[in-house]
Amino acid sequence: MSDAAVPAAPRRIRMTVIGPILALVLLVVAGALMNPNFLGWDNVTNVLARSAFIGIIAVGMTFVITAGGLDLSVGSMAAFIAGLMILVMNSLVPSMGVGVPVILVGMAVALLAGLAAGLLNGILITRLGIEAFIVTLGSMGIYRSLVTWLADGGTLSLDFNLRSLYQPVYYGGIFGITWPIIVFALVVLVGEVVMRSTAFGRYCAAIGSNEQVAKYSSVRVDRVRLMTYAALGLLVGIATIMYVPRLGSASSATGMLWELEAIAAVIIGGTVLKGGFGRVWGTVIGVLILTLIGNLLNLTDFVSPYLNGAIQGAIIVLAVVLQREGKAR
């Protein structure tokens, strides 16, 4: 009696993987049908450029959430960094004049301030043992209040001549691709490699999955988690560097709801909200979905653009429900 080959069990399609891709495709098709300019080069580059700010931050948020953390302060942090950048650069104009060195100093200030803010959040969470929700909720209010104080309740504006010199960082680029898109692509590439091919990425997933087991496996939990918040702060600084030349100003409204968009993008992309699994490329799809929804609301009269925040909130809830349903199966 010959042994019959046992057929392999069919692989079940995971909606957490295919769902975001299908949603993105459907949005693109719907946009093309609703508005003939939707797939035009100008609109495509505009969507990608506007995605860059949230996308850069969302890559860092992917690591934080994968490691079982959360950061609600990134939008307020960006506003504070933008205000600090503008104040420093304006104060240097009388002594250094309008030139590239002033802009480079401003960029350095943004990177250092973002790194310091991320480290502060991480230290309070890992060293003092305060819940991430409480720490970042508090720092969200602090940074928002600080930028309002720095602007004296109004708007901080970059020196006009300095703004003209700085604008190519947002509007310029190579081969028709603007610098924010290029920087976003580089951040995504590095993030995907780190998440998938380094010990740090594996440690983040291990900590988010089971912190105690990770400790028993000699993973330095506090250090890894601290590094995720520091990296997120640094990426907020990079996003702010790309954002400031767009408008040349900062106020209490700058970065409003960026934390919601970043978290939504991460969850839509398939990263588990409670930690243990992260997907950087999925986060990119999540960012594009959210940006396309906002773009469609602006290009059509189907739904008021003022409902964008409500739609994003509903998407977050739906994404978490789908994750739980997937686990239940």
C-alpha atoms as a PDB file:
ATOM      1  CA  MET A   1       0.000   0.000   0.000  1.00  0.00           C
ATOM      2  CA  SER A   2       1.656   3.212  -1.140  1.00  0.00           C
ATOM      3  CA  ASP A   3       1.680   6.273   1.016  1.00  0.00           C
ATOM      4  CA  ALA A   4      -0.581   8.921  -0.425  1.00  0.00           C
ATOM      5  CA  ALA A   5       0.699  12.455  -0.336  1.00  0.00           C
ATOM      6  CA  VAL A   6      -1.103  14.500   2.252  1.00  0.00           C
ATOM      7  CA  PRO A   7      -2.238  17.778   0.748  1.00  0.00           C
ATOM      8  CA  ALA A   8      -1.060  20.866   2.553  1.00  0.00           C
ATOM      9  CA  ALA A   9      -3.702  22.763   4.456  1.00  0.00           C
ATOM     10  CA  PRO A  10      -4.806  25.897   2.638  1.00  0.00           C
ATOM     11  CA  ARG A  11      -3.303  29.074   4.019  1.00  0.00           C
ATOM     12  CA  ARG A  12      -5.943  31.318   5.511  1.00  0.00           C
ATOM     13  CA  ILE A  13      -5.924  34.864   4.215  1.00  0.00           C
ATOM     14  CA  ARG A  14      -5.330  37.261   7.088  1.00  0.00           C
ATOM     15  CA  MET A  15      -7.519  40.348   6.827  1.00  0.00           C
ATOM     16  CA  THR A  16      -5.084  42.308   9.015  1.00  0.00           C
ATOM     17  CA  VAL A  17      -2.612  41.946   6.140  1.00  0.00           C
ATOM     18  CA  ILE A  18      -4.785  42.191   3.049  1.00  0.00           C
ATOM     19  CA  GLY A  19      -7.415  44.544   4.527  1.00  0.00           C
ATOM     20  CA  PRO A  20      -5.338  47.760   4.573  1.00  0.00           C
ATOM     21  CA  ILE A  21      -4.050  47.083   1.052  1.00  0.00           C
ATOM     22  CA  LEU A  22      -7.595  46.557  -0.256  1.00  0.00           C
ATOM     23  CA  ALA A  23      -8.768  49.711   1.524  1.00  0.00           C
ATOM     24  CA  LEU A  24      -5.971  51.726  -0.079  1.00  0.00           C
ATOM     25  CA  VAL A  25      -6.791  50.369  -3.541  1.00  0.00           C
ATOM     26  CA  LEU A  26     -10.506  51.101  -3.084  1.00  0.00           C
ATOM     27  CA  LEU A  27      -9.750  54.661  -1.968  1.00  0.00           C
ATOM     28  CA  VAL A  28      -7.558  55.258  -5.020  1.00  0.00           C
ATOM     29  CA  VAL A  29     -10.248  53.894  -7.348  1.00  0.00           C
ATOM     30  CA  ALA A  30     -12.975  55.912  -5.614  1.00  0.00           C
ATOM     31  CA  GLY A  31     -10.888  59.070  -5.794  1.00  0.00           C
ATOM     32  CA  ALA A  32     -10.184  58.588  -9.489  1.00  0.00           C
ATOM     33  CA  LEU A  33     -13.905  58.129 -10.185  1.00  0.00           C
ATOM     34  CA  MET A  34     -14.981  61.128  -8.084  1.00  0.00           C
ATOM     35  CA  ASN A  35     -12.443  63.622  -9.370  1.00  0.00           C
ATOM     36  CA  PRO A  36     -10.420  63.440 -12.603  1.00  0.00           C
ATOM     37  CA  ASN A  37      -7.587  65.400 -10.982  1.00  0.00           C
ATOM     38  CA  PHE A  38      -7.187  62.897  -8.165  1.00  0.00           C
ATOM     39  CA  LEU A  39      -4.466  60.866  -9.910  1.00  0.00           C
ATOM     40  CA  GLY A  40      -2.767  63.933 -11.369  1.00  0.00           C
ATOM     41  CA  TRP A  41       0.918  64.339 -10.575  1.00  0.00           C
ATOM     42  CA  ASP A  42       0.324  67.526  -8.568  1.00  0.00           C
ATOM     43  CA  ASN A  43      -2.271  65.900  -6.329  1.00  0.00           C
ATOM     44  CA  VAL A  44      -0.241  62.694  -5.894  1.00  0.00           C
ATOM     45  CA  THR A  45       2.881  64.594  -4.824  1.00  0.00           C
ATOM     46  CA  ASN A  46       0.751  66.807  -2.569  1.00  0.00           C
ATOM     47  CA  VAL A  47      -0.745  63.741  -0.858  1.00  0.00           C
ATOM     48  CA  LEU A  48       2.680  62.150  -0.392  1.00  0.00           C
ATOM     49  CA  ALA A  49       4.236  65.361   0.905  1.00  0.00           C
ATOM     50  CA  ARG A  50       1.414  65.884   3.406  1.00  0.00           C
ATOM     51  CA  SER A  51       1.761  62.236   4.438  1.00  0.00           C
ATOM     52  CA  ALA A  52       5.440  62.721   5.192  1.00  0.00           C
ATOM     53  CA  PHE A  53       5.029  64.591   8.508  1.00  0.00           C
ATOM     54  CA  ILE A  54       2.664  62.080  10.068  1.00  0.00           C
ATOM     55  CA  GLY A  55       4.448  59.197   8.345  1.00  0.00           C
ATOM     56  CA  ILE A  56       7.851  60.012   9.813  1.00  0.00           C
ATOM     57  CA  ILE A  57       6.322  60.252  13.288  1.00  0.00           C
ATOM     58  CA  ALA A  58       4.213  57.112  12.748  1.00  0.00           C
ATOM     59  CA  VAL A  59       7.320  55.034  11.982  1.00  0.00           C
ATOM     60  CA  GLY A  60       8.655  55.918  15.434  1.00  0.00           C
ATOM     61  CA  MET A  61       5.232  55.305  16.971  1.00  0.00           C
ATOM     62  CA  THR A  62       5.277  51.812  15.449  1.00  0.00           C
ATOM     63  CA  PHE A  63       8.279  50.882  17.583  1.00  0.00           C
ATOM     64  CA  VAL A  64       6.793  52.452  20.718  1.00  0.00           C
ATOM     65  CA  ILE A  65       3.480  50.610  20.344  1.00  0.00           C
ATOM     66  CA  THR A  66       5.184  47.356  19.338  1.00  0.00           C
ATOM     67  CA  ALA A  67       7.122  47.498  22.620  1.00  0.00           C
ATOM     68  CA  GLY A  68       3.871  47.956  24.547  1.00  0.00           C
ATOM     69  CA  GLY A  69       4.055  51.732  24.915  1.00  0.00           C
ATOM     70  CA  LEU A  70       2.102  54.769  23.785  1.00  0.00           C
ATOM     71  CA  ASP A  71       2.865  58.444  23.178  1.00  0.00           C
ATOM     72  CA  LEU A  72       0.098  61.040  23.128  1.00  0.00           C
ATOM     73  CA  SER A  73       2.454  64.025  23.129  1.00  0.00           C
ATOM     74  CA  VAL A  74       3.920  63.949  19.608  1.00  0.00           C
ATOM     75  CA  GLY A  75       1.661  66.651  18.152  1.00  0.00           C
ATOM     76  CA  SER A  76       2.262  69.068  21.018  1.00  0.00           C
ATOM     77  CA  MET A  77       5.950  68.171  20.974  1.00  0.00           C
ATOM     78  CA  ALA A  78       6.155  69.093  17.290  1.00  0.00           C
ATOM     79  CA  ALA A  79       4.448  72.434  17.983  1.00  0.00           C
ATOM     80  CA  PHE A  80       6.882  73.233  20.787  1.00  0.00           C
ATOM     81  CA  ILE A  81       9.908  72.231  18.707  1.00  0.00           C
ATOM     82  CA  ALA A  82       8.668  74.345  15.784  1.00  0.00           C
ATOM     83  CA  GLY A  83       8.230  77.361  18.057  1.00  0.00           C
ATOM     84  CA  LEU A  84      11.652  76.842  19.616  1.00  0.00           C
ATOM     85  CA  MET A  85      13.253  76.517  16.173  1.00  0.00           C
ATOM     86  CA  ILE A  86      11.694  79.761  14.980  1.00  0.00           C
ATOM     87  CA  LEU A  87      12.707  81.686  18.097  1.00  0.00           C
ATOM     88  CA  VAL A  88      16.309  80.480  17.907  1.00  0.00           C
ATOM     89  CA  MET A  89      16.666  81.186  14.184  1.00  0.00           C
ATOM     90  CA  ASN A  90      15.095  84.646  14.471  1.00  0.00           C
ATOM     91  CA  SER A  91      17.395  85.529  17.373  1.00  0.00           C
ATOM     92  CA  LEU A  92      20.471  84.553  15.328  1.00  0.00           C
ATOM     93  CA  VAL A  93      19.631  86.685  12.283  1.00  0.00           C
ATOM     94  CA  PRO A  94      21.006  89.991  13.723  1.00  0.00           C
ATOM     95  CA  SER A  95      24.394  88.424  14.547  1.00  0.00           C
ATOM     96  CA  MET A  96      24.770  85.779  11.827  1.00  0.00           C
ATOM     97  CA  GLY A  97      22.640  87.275   9.067  1.00  0.00           C
ATOM     98  CA  VAL A  98      20.269  85.390   6.799  1.00  0.00           C
ATOM     99  CA  GLY A  99      22.091  82.287   5.638  1.00  0.00           C
ATOM    100  CA  VAL A 100      22.360  78.524   5.653  1.00  0.00           C
ATOM    101  CA  PRO A 101      24.276  78.413   8.990  1.00  0.00           C
ATOM    102  CA  VAL A 102      21.239  79.846  10.791  1.00  0.00           C
ATOM    103  CA  ILE A 103      18.996  77.185   9.261  1.00  0.00           C
ATOM    104  CA  LEU A 104      21.469  74.440  10.205  1.00  0.00           C
ATOM    105  CA  VAL A 105      21.470  75.688  13.803  1.00  0.00           C
ATOM    106  CA  GLY A 106      17.666  75.593  13.764  1.00  0.00           C
ATOM    107  CA  MET A 107      17.716  72.015  12.477  1.00  0.00           C
ATOM    108  CA  ALA A 108      20.181  71.013  15.193  1.00  0.00           C
ATOM    109  CA  VAL A 109      17.934  72.595  17.819  1.00  0.00           C
ATOM    110  CA  ALA A 110      14.966  70.608  16.480  1.00  0.00           C
ATOM    111  CA  LEU A 111      16.848  67.313  16.600  1.00  0.00           C
ATOM    112  CA  LEU A 112      18.238  67.931  20.093  1.00  0.00           C
ATOM    113  CA  ALA A 113      14.898  69.152  21.448  1.00  0.00           C
ATOM    114  CA  GLY A 114      13.071  66.147  19.980  1.00  0.00           C
ATOM    115  CA  LEU A 115      15.637  63.721  21.352  1.00  0.00           C
ATOM    116  CA  ALA A 116      15.537  65.377  24.793  1.00  0.00           C
ATOM    117  CA  ALA A 117      11.728  65.337  24.880  1.00  0.00           C
ATOM    118  CA  GLY A 118      11.629  61.677  23.882  1.00  0.00           C
ATOM    119  CA  LEU A 119      14.250  60.773  26.475  1.00  0.00           C
ATOM    120  CA  LEU A 120      12.329  62.658  29.167  1.00  0.00           C
ATOM    121  CA  ASN A 121       9.157  60.722  28.394  1.00  0.00           C
ATOM    122  CA  GLY A 122      11.107  57.475  28.324  1.00  0.00           C
ATOM    123  CA  ILE A 123      12.888  58.126  31.622  1.00  0.00           C
ATOM    124  CA  LEU A 124       9.663  58.978  33.432  1.00  0.00           C
ATOM    125  CA  ILE A 125       8.080  55.788  32.085  1.00  0.00           C
ATOM    126  CA  THR A 126      10.962  53.349  32.536  1.00  0.00           C
ATOM    127  CA  ARG A 127      12.817  54.725  35.559  1.00  0.00           C
ATOM    128  CA  LEU A 128       9.925  56.053  37.649  1.00  0.00           C
ATOM    129  CA  GLY A 129       7.447  53.421  36.514  1.00  0.00           C
ATOM    130  CA  ILE A 130       4.688  55.880  35.583  1.00  0.00           C
ATOM    131  CA  GLU A 131       2.159  54.674  33.032  1.00  0.00           C
ATOM    132  CA  ALA A 132       2.916  55.844  29.479  1.00  0.00           C
ATOM    133  CA  PHE A 133      -0.627  57.158  29.091  1.00  0.00           C
ATOM    134  CA  ILE A 134      -0.260  59.434  32.132  1.00  0.00           C
ATOM    135  CA  VAL A 135       3.245  60.659  31.257  1.00  0.00           C
ATOM    136  CA  THR A 136       2.513  61.497  27.642  1.00  0.00           C
ATOM    137  CA  LEU A 137      -0.909  62.958  28.433  1.00  0.00           C
ATOM    138  CA  GLY A 138       0.813  65.299  30.881  1.00  0.00           C
ATOM    139  CA  SER A 139       3.629  66.198  28.507  1.00  0.00           C
ATOM    140  CA  MET A 140       1.068  66.820  25.761  1.00  0.00           C
ATOM    141  CA  GLY A 141      -0.476  69.563  27.879  1.00  0.00           C
ATOM    142  CA  ILE A 142       2.919  70.926  28.912  1.00  0.00           C
ATOM    143  CA  TYR A 143       4.291  71.279  25.369  1.00  0.00           C
ATOM    144  CA  ARG A 144       1.056  72.788  24.069  1.00  0.00           C
ATOM    145  CA  SER A 145       1.065  75.337  26.884  1.00  0.00           C
ATOM    146  CA  LEU A 146       4.742  76.145  26.352  1.00  0.00           C
ATOM    147  CA  VAL A 147       4.318  76.963  22.669  1.00  0.00           C
ATOM    148  CA  THR A 148       1.275  79.088  23.502  1.00  0.00           C
ATOM    149  CA  TRP A 149       3.368  80.934  26.089  1.00  0.00           C
ATOM    150  CA  LEU A 150       6.289  81.393  23.697  1.00  0.00           C
ATOM    151  CA  ALA A 151       3.909  82.813  21.085  1.00  0.00           C
ATOM    152  CA  ASP A 152       2.171  84.967  23.731  1.00  0.00           C
ATOM    153  CA  GLY A 153      -1.123  83.432  22.695  1.00  0.00           C
ATOM    154  CA  GLY A 154      -0.576  84.210  19.019  1.00  0.00           C
ATOM    155  CA  THR A 155       1.690  82.931  16.264  1.00  0.00           C
ATOM    156  CA  LEU A 156       5.469  82.721  16.023  1.00  0.00           C
ATOM    157  CA  SER A 157       6.595  83.669  12.511  1.00  0.00           C
ATOM    158  CA  LEU A 158       9.949  83.018  10.908  1.00  0.00           C
ATOM    159  CA  ASP A 159      11.903  85.996   9.561  1.00  0.00           C
ATOM    160  CA  PHE A 160      10.634  86.688   6.030  1.00  0.00           C
ATOM    161  CA  ASN A 161      14.026  86.496   4.306  1.00  0.00           C
ATOM    162  CA  LEU A 162      14.957  83.394   6.292  1.00  0.00           C
ATOM    163  CA  ARG A 163      11.638  81.805   5.351  1.00  0.00           C
ATOM    164  CA  SER A 164      12.366  82.340   1.657  1.00  0.00           C
ATOM    165  CA  LEU A 165      15.750  80.655   2.085  1.00  0.00           C
ATOM    166  CA  TYR A 166      14.280  77.757   4.072  1.00  0.00           C
ATOM    167  CA  GLN A 167      11.233  77.042   1.845  1.00  0.00           C
ATOM    168  CA  PRO A 168      13.104  74.772  -0.639  1.00  0.00           C
ATOM    169  CA  VAL A 169      13.463  72.209   2.170  1.00  0.00           C
ATOM    170  CA  TYR A 170       9.709  71.614   1.790  1.00  0.00           C
ATOM    171  CA  TYR A 171       8.963  72.706  -1.779  1.00  0.00           C
ATOM    172  CA  GLY A 172      12.250  71.696  -3.402  1.00  0.00           C
ATOM    173  CA  GLY A 173      13.527  68.252  -4.322  1.00  0.00           C
ATOM    174  CA  ILE A 174      15.016  66.168  -7.112  1.00  0.00           C
ATOM    175  CA  PHE A 175      13.368  64.682 -10.212  1.00  0.00           C
ATOM    176  CA  GLY A 176      10.053  66.252  -9.202  1.00  0.00           C
ATOM    177  CA  ILE A 177      10.030  64.494  -5.827  1.00  0.00           C
ATOM    178  CA  THR A 178      10.082  66.861  -2.863  1.00  0.00           C
ATOM    179  CA  TRP A 179      12.440  66.488   0.083  1.00  0.00           C
ATOM    180  CA  PRO A 180       9.738  65.527   2.631  1.00  0.00           C
ATOM    181  CA  ILE A 181       8.800  62.543   0.443  1.00  0.00           C
ATOM    182  CA  ILE A 182      12.454  61.527   0.078  1.00  0.00           C
ATOM    183  CA  VAL A 183      13.118  61.820   3.823  1.00  0.00           C
ATOM    184  CA  PHE A 184       9.930  59.877   4.588  1.00  0.00           C
ATOM    185  CA  ALA A 185      11.008  57.092   2.220  1.00  0.00           C
ATOM    186  CA  LEU A 186      14.442  56.891   3.855  1.00  0.00           C
ATOM    187  CA  VAL A 187      12.943  56.777   7.354  1.00  0.00           C
ATOM    188  CA  VAL A 188      10.561  53.989   6.271  1.00  0.00           C
ATOM    189  CA  LEU A 189      13.411  52.011   4.718  1.00  0.00           C
ATOM    190  CA  VAL A 190      15.559  52.275   7.842  1.00  0.00           C
ATOM    191  CA  GLY A 191      12.562  51.515  10.085  1.00  0.00           C
ATOM    192  CA  GLU A 192      11.605  48.410   8.141  1.00  0.00           C
ATOM    193  CA  VAL A 193      15.171  47.079   8.235  1.00  0.00           C
ATOM    194  CA  VAL A 194      15.487  47.743  11.965  1.00  0.00           C
ATOM    195  CA  MET A 195      12.124  46.153  12.749  1.00  0.00           C
ATOM    196  CA  ARG A 196      12.645  43.051  10.624  1.00  0.00           C
ATOM    197  CA  SER A 197      16.398  42.433  10.597  1.00  0.00           C
ATOM    198  CA  THR A 198      17.906  43.638  13.881  1.00  0.00           C
ATOM    199  CA  ALA A 199      17.918  42.495  17.476  1.00  0.00           C
ATOM    200  CA  PHE A 200      16.344  45.800  18.503  1.00  0.00           C
ATOM    201  CA  GLY A 201      13.236  45.105  16.438  1.00  0.00           C
ATOM    202  CA  ARG A 202      12.946  41.599  17.869  1.00  0.00           C
ATOM    203  CA  TYR A 203      13.398  42.938  21.387  1.00  0.00           C
ATOM    204  CA  CYS A 204      10.581  45.465  20.854  1.00  0.00           C
ATOM    205  CA  ALA A 205       8.240  42.665  19.786  1.00  0.00           C
ATOM    206  CA  ALA A 206       9.332  40.443  22.681  1.00  0.00           C
ATOM    207  CA  ILE A 207       8.762  43.182  25.262  1.00  0.00           C
ATOM    208  CA  GLY A 208       5.342  44.034  23.870  1.00  0.00           C
ATOM    209  CA  SER A 209       4.353  40.381  23.756  1.00  0.00           C
ATOM    210  CA  ASN A 210       5.438  39.462  27.292  1.00  0.00           C
ATOM    211  CA  GLU A 211       7.627  41.786  29.314  1.00  0.00           C
ATOM    212  CA  GLN A 212       8.447  39.245  32.029  1.00  0.00           C
ATOM    213  CA  VAL A 213       9.525  36.585  29.554  1.00  0.00           C
ATOM    214  CA  ALA A 214      11.677  39.177  27.795  1.00  0.00           C
ATOM    215  CA  LYS A 215      13.387  39.985  31.103  1.00  0.00           C
ATOM    216  CA  TYR A 216      14.034  36.288  31.748  1.00  0.00           C
ATOM    217  CA  SER A 217      15.540  36.116  28.259  1.00  0.00           C
ATOM    218  CA  SER A 218      18.116  38.750  29.250  1.00  0.00           C
ATOM    219  CA  VAL A 219      16.482  41.543  27.254  1.00  0.00           C
ATOM    220  CA  ARG A 220      17.192  44.912  28.854  1.00  0.00           C
ATOM    221  CA  VAL A 221      13.565  45.964  28.833  1.00  0.00           C
ATOM    222  CA  ASP A 222      13.906  49.466  30.251  1.00  0.00           C
ATOM    223  CA  ARG A 223      16.776  50.372  27.936  1.00  0.00           C
ATOM    224  CA  VAL A 224      14.987  49.121  24.818  1.00  0.00           C
ATOM    225  CA  ARG A 225      11.757  50.885  25.750  1.00  0.00           C
ATOM    226  CA  LEU A 226      13.674  54.090  26.535  1.00  0.00           C
ATOM    227  CA  MET A 227      15.298  53.890  23.107  1.00  0.00           C
ATOM    228  CA  THR A 228      11.900  53.638  21.407  1.00  0.00           C
ATOM    229  CA  TYR A 229      10.751  56.894  23.010  1.00  0.00           C
ATOM    230  CA  ALA A 230      14.074  58.583  22.235  1.00  0.00           C
ATOM    231  CA  ALA A 231      13.851  57.479  18.594  1.00  0.00           C
ATOM    232  CA  LEU A 232      10.264  58.730  18.383  1.00  0.00           C
ATOM    233  CA  GLY A 233      11.303  62.115  19.781  1.00  0.00           C
ATOM    234  CA  LEU A 234      14.132  62.330  17.247  1.00  0.00           C
ATOM    235  CA  LEU A 235      11.715  61.535  14.410  1.00  0.00           C
ATOM    236  CA  VAL A 236       9.333  64.235  15.671  1.00  0.00           C
ATOM    237  CA  GLY A 237      12.286  66.615  15.362  1.00  0.00           C
ATOM    238  CA  ILE A 238      12.938  65.472  11.782  1.00  0.00           C
ATOM    239  CA  ALA A 239       9.249  65.855  10.876  1.00  0.00           C
ATOM    240  CA  THR A 240       9.262  69.374  12.342  1.00  0.00           C
ATOM    241  CA  ILE A 241      12.320  70.308  10.270  1.00  0.00           C
ATOM    242  CA  MET A 242      10.317  69.340   7.189  1.00  0.00           C
ATOM    243  CA  TYR A 243       7.168  71.094   8.413  1.00  0.00           C
ATOM    244  CA  VAL A 244       8.421  74.557   9.445  1.00  0.00           C
ATOM    245  CA  PRO A 245       9.397  75.767   5.928  1.00  0.00           C
ATOM    246  CA  ARG A 246       5.896  74.912   4.686  1.00  0.00           C
ATOM    247  CA  LEU A 247       4.184  77.722   6.609  1.00  0.00           C
ATOM    248  CA  GLY A 248       7.092  79.421   8.362  1.00  0.00           C
ATOM    249  CA  SER A 249       5.120  79.728  11.587  1.00  0.00           C
ATOM    250  CA  ALA A 250       4.085  77.921  14.762  1.00  0.00           C
ATOM    251  CA  SER A 251       1.169  78.370  17.144  1.00  0.00           C
ATOM    252  CA  SER A 252      -0.890  76.482  19.685  1.00  0.00           C
ATOM    253  CA  ALA A 253      -2.773  74.897  16.765  1.00  0.00           C
ATOM    254  CA  THR A 254       0.362  73.439  15.155  1.00  0.00           C
ATOM    255  CA  GLY A 255       0.456  69.641  15.182  1.00  0.00           C
ATOM    256  CA  MET A 256      -3.103  69.393  16.465  1.00  0.00           C
ATOM    257  CA  LEU A 257      -4.319  65.766  16.452  1.00  0.00           C
ATOM    258  CA  TRP A 258      -1.036  64.498  14.962  1.00  0.00           C
ATOM    259  CA  GLU A 259      -0.920  61.936  17.769  1.00  0.00           C
ATOM    260  CA  LEU A 260      -4.346  60.646  16.739  1.00  0.00           C
ATOM    261  CA  GLU A 261      -3.289  60.355  13.096  1.00  0.00           C
ATOM    262  CA  ALA A 262       0.005  58.643  13.955  1.00  0.00           C
ATOM    263  CA  ILE A 263      -1.630  56.098  16.262  1.00  0.00           C
ATOM    264  CA  ALA A 264      -4.422  55.503  13.763  1.00  0.00           C
ATOM    265  CA  ALA A 265      -1.928  54.878  10.960  1.00  0.00           C
ATOM    266  CA  VAL A 266      -0.006  52.385  13.090  1.00  0.00           C
ATOM    267  CA  ILE A 267      -3.129  50.442  14.097  1.00  0.00           C
ATOM    268  CA  ILE A 268      -4.624  50.481  10.594  1.00  0.00           C
ATOM    269  CA  GLY A 269      -1.339  49.087   9.289  1.00  0.00           C
ATOM    270  CA  GLY A 270      -1.643  45.991  11.454  1.00  0.00           C
ATOM    271  CA  THR A 271       0.515  46.777  14.474  1.00  0.00           C
ATOM    272  CA  VAL A 272      -1.112  45.339  17.588  1.00  0.00           C
ATOM    273  CA  LEU A 273      -2.251  48.104  19.952  1.00  0.00           C
ATOM    274  CA  LYS A 274      -1.227  46.152  23.053  1.00  0.00           C
ATOM    275  CA  GLY A 275       2.206  45.438  21.602  1.00  0.00           C
ATOM    276  CA  GLY A 276       4.034  42.322  20.511  1.00  0.00           C
ATOM    277  CA  PHE A 277       3.867  42.801  16.766  1.00  0.00           C
ATOM    278  CA  GLY A 278       4.740  45.733  14.517  1.00  0.00           C
ATOM    279  CA  ARG A 279       4.683  46.306  10.787  1.00  0.00           C
ATOM    280  CA  VAL A 280       6.425  49.423   9.407  1.00  0.00           C
ATOM    281  CA  TRP A 281       5.263  48.929   5.821  1.00  0.00           C
ATOM    282  CA  GLY A 282       1.726  48.546   7.139  1.00  0.00           C
ATOM    283  CA  THR A 283       2.089  51.864   8.942  1.00  0.00           C
ATOM    284  CA  VAL A 284       2.944  53.491   5.608  1.00  0.00           C
ATOM    285  CA  ILE A 285      -0.291  52.119   4.132  1.00  0.00           C
ATOM    286  CA  GLY A 286      -2.182  53.412   7.159  1.00  0.00           C
ATOM    287  CA  VAL A 287      -0.709  56.894   6.695  1.00  0.00           C
ATOM    288  CA  LEU A 288      -1.657  56.914   3.022  1.00  0.00           C
ATOM    289  CA  ILE A 289      -5.202  55.767   3.805  1.00  0.00           C
ATOM    290  CA  LEU A 290      -5.734  58.585   6.302  1.00  0.00           C
ATOM    291  CA  THR A 291      -4.219  61.204   4.014  1.00  0.00           C
ATOM    292  CA  LEU A 292      -6.293  60.015   1.052  1.00  0.00           C
ATOM    293  CA  ILE A 293      -9.468  60.211   3.135  1.00  0.00           C
ATOM    294  CA  GLY A 294      -8.665  63.832   4.011  1.00  0.00           C
ATOM    295  CA  ASN A 295      -7.770  64.558   0.403  1.00  0.00           C
ATOM    296  CA  LEU A 296     -11.025  63.056  -0.861  1.00  0.00           C
ATOM    297  CA  LEU A 297     -13.032  65.093   1.628  1.00  0.00           C
ATOM    298  CA  ASN A 298     -11.384  68.247   0.299  1.00  0.00           C
ATOM    299  CA  LEU A 299     -11.857  67.336  -3.381  1.00  0.00           C
ATOM    300  CA  THR A 300     -15.483  66.266  -3.139  1.00  0.00           C
ATOM    301  CA  ASP A 301     -18.650  67.513  -1.484  1.00  0.00           C
ATOM    302  CA  PHE A 302     -19.718  64.034  -0.452  1.00  0.00           C
ATOM    303  CA  VAL A 303     -18.825  64.523   3.247  1.00  0.00           C
ATOM    304  CA  SER A 304     -17.772  67.651   5.110  1.00  0.00           C
ATOM    305  CA  PRO A 305     -13.959  67.849   5.657  1.00  0.00           C
ATOM    306  CA  TYR A 306     -14.716  68.913   9.242  1.00  0.00           C
ATOM    307  CA  LEU A 307     -15.643  65.291   9.934  1.00  0.00           C
ATOM    308  CA  ASN A 308     -12.108  64.084   9.189  1.00  0.00           C
ATOM    309  CA  GLY A 309     -11.275  63.674  12.879  1.00  0.00           C
ATOM    310  CA  ALA A 310     -14.472  61.741  13.514  1.00  0.00           C
ATOM    311  CA  ILE A 311     -13.694  59.409  10.618  1.00  0.00           C
ATOM    312  CA  GLN A 312     -10.164  58.819  11.918  1.00  0.00           C
ATOM    313  CA  GLY A 313     -11.501  57.997  15.386  1.00  0.00           C
ATOM    314  CA  ALA A 314     -14.003  55.548  13.939  1.00  0.00           C
ATOM    315  CA  ILE A 315     -11.239  53.913  11.884  1.00  0.00           C
ATOM    316  CA  ILE A 316      -9.111  53.378  14.998  1.00  0.00           C
ATOM    317  CA  VAL A 317     -11.991  51.653  16.793  1.00  0.00           C
ATOM    318  CA  LEU A 318     -12.775  49.533  13.726  1.00  0.00           C
ATOM    319  CA  ALA A 319      -9.128  48.515  13.291  1.00  0.00           C
ATOM    320  CA  VAL A 320      -8.865  47.373  16.927  1.00  0.00           C
ATOM    321  CA  VAL A 321     -12.146  45.429  16.623  1.00  0.00           C
ATOM    322  CA  LEU A 322     -10.862  43.679  13.498  1.00  0.00           C
ATOM    323  CA  GLN A 323      -7.620  42.799  15.291  1.00  0.00           C
ATOM    324  CA  ARG A 324      -9.545  41.226  18.155  1.00  0.00           C
ATOM    325  CA  GLU A 325     -11.832  39.341  15.775  1.00  0.00           C
ATOM    326  CA  GLY A 326      -8.761  38.006  13.971  1.00  0.00           C
ATOM    327  CA  LYS A 327      -7.287  36.754  17.249  1.00  0.00           C
ATOM    328  CA  ALA A 328     -10.585  35.155  18.253  1.00  0.00           C
ATOM    329  CA  ARG A 329     -10.549  33.079  15.067  1.00  0.00           C
END
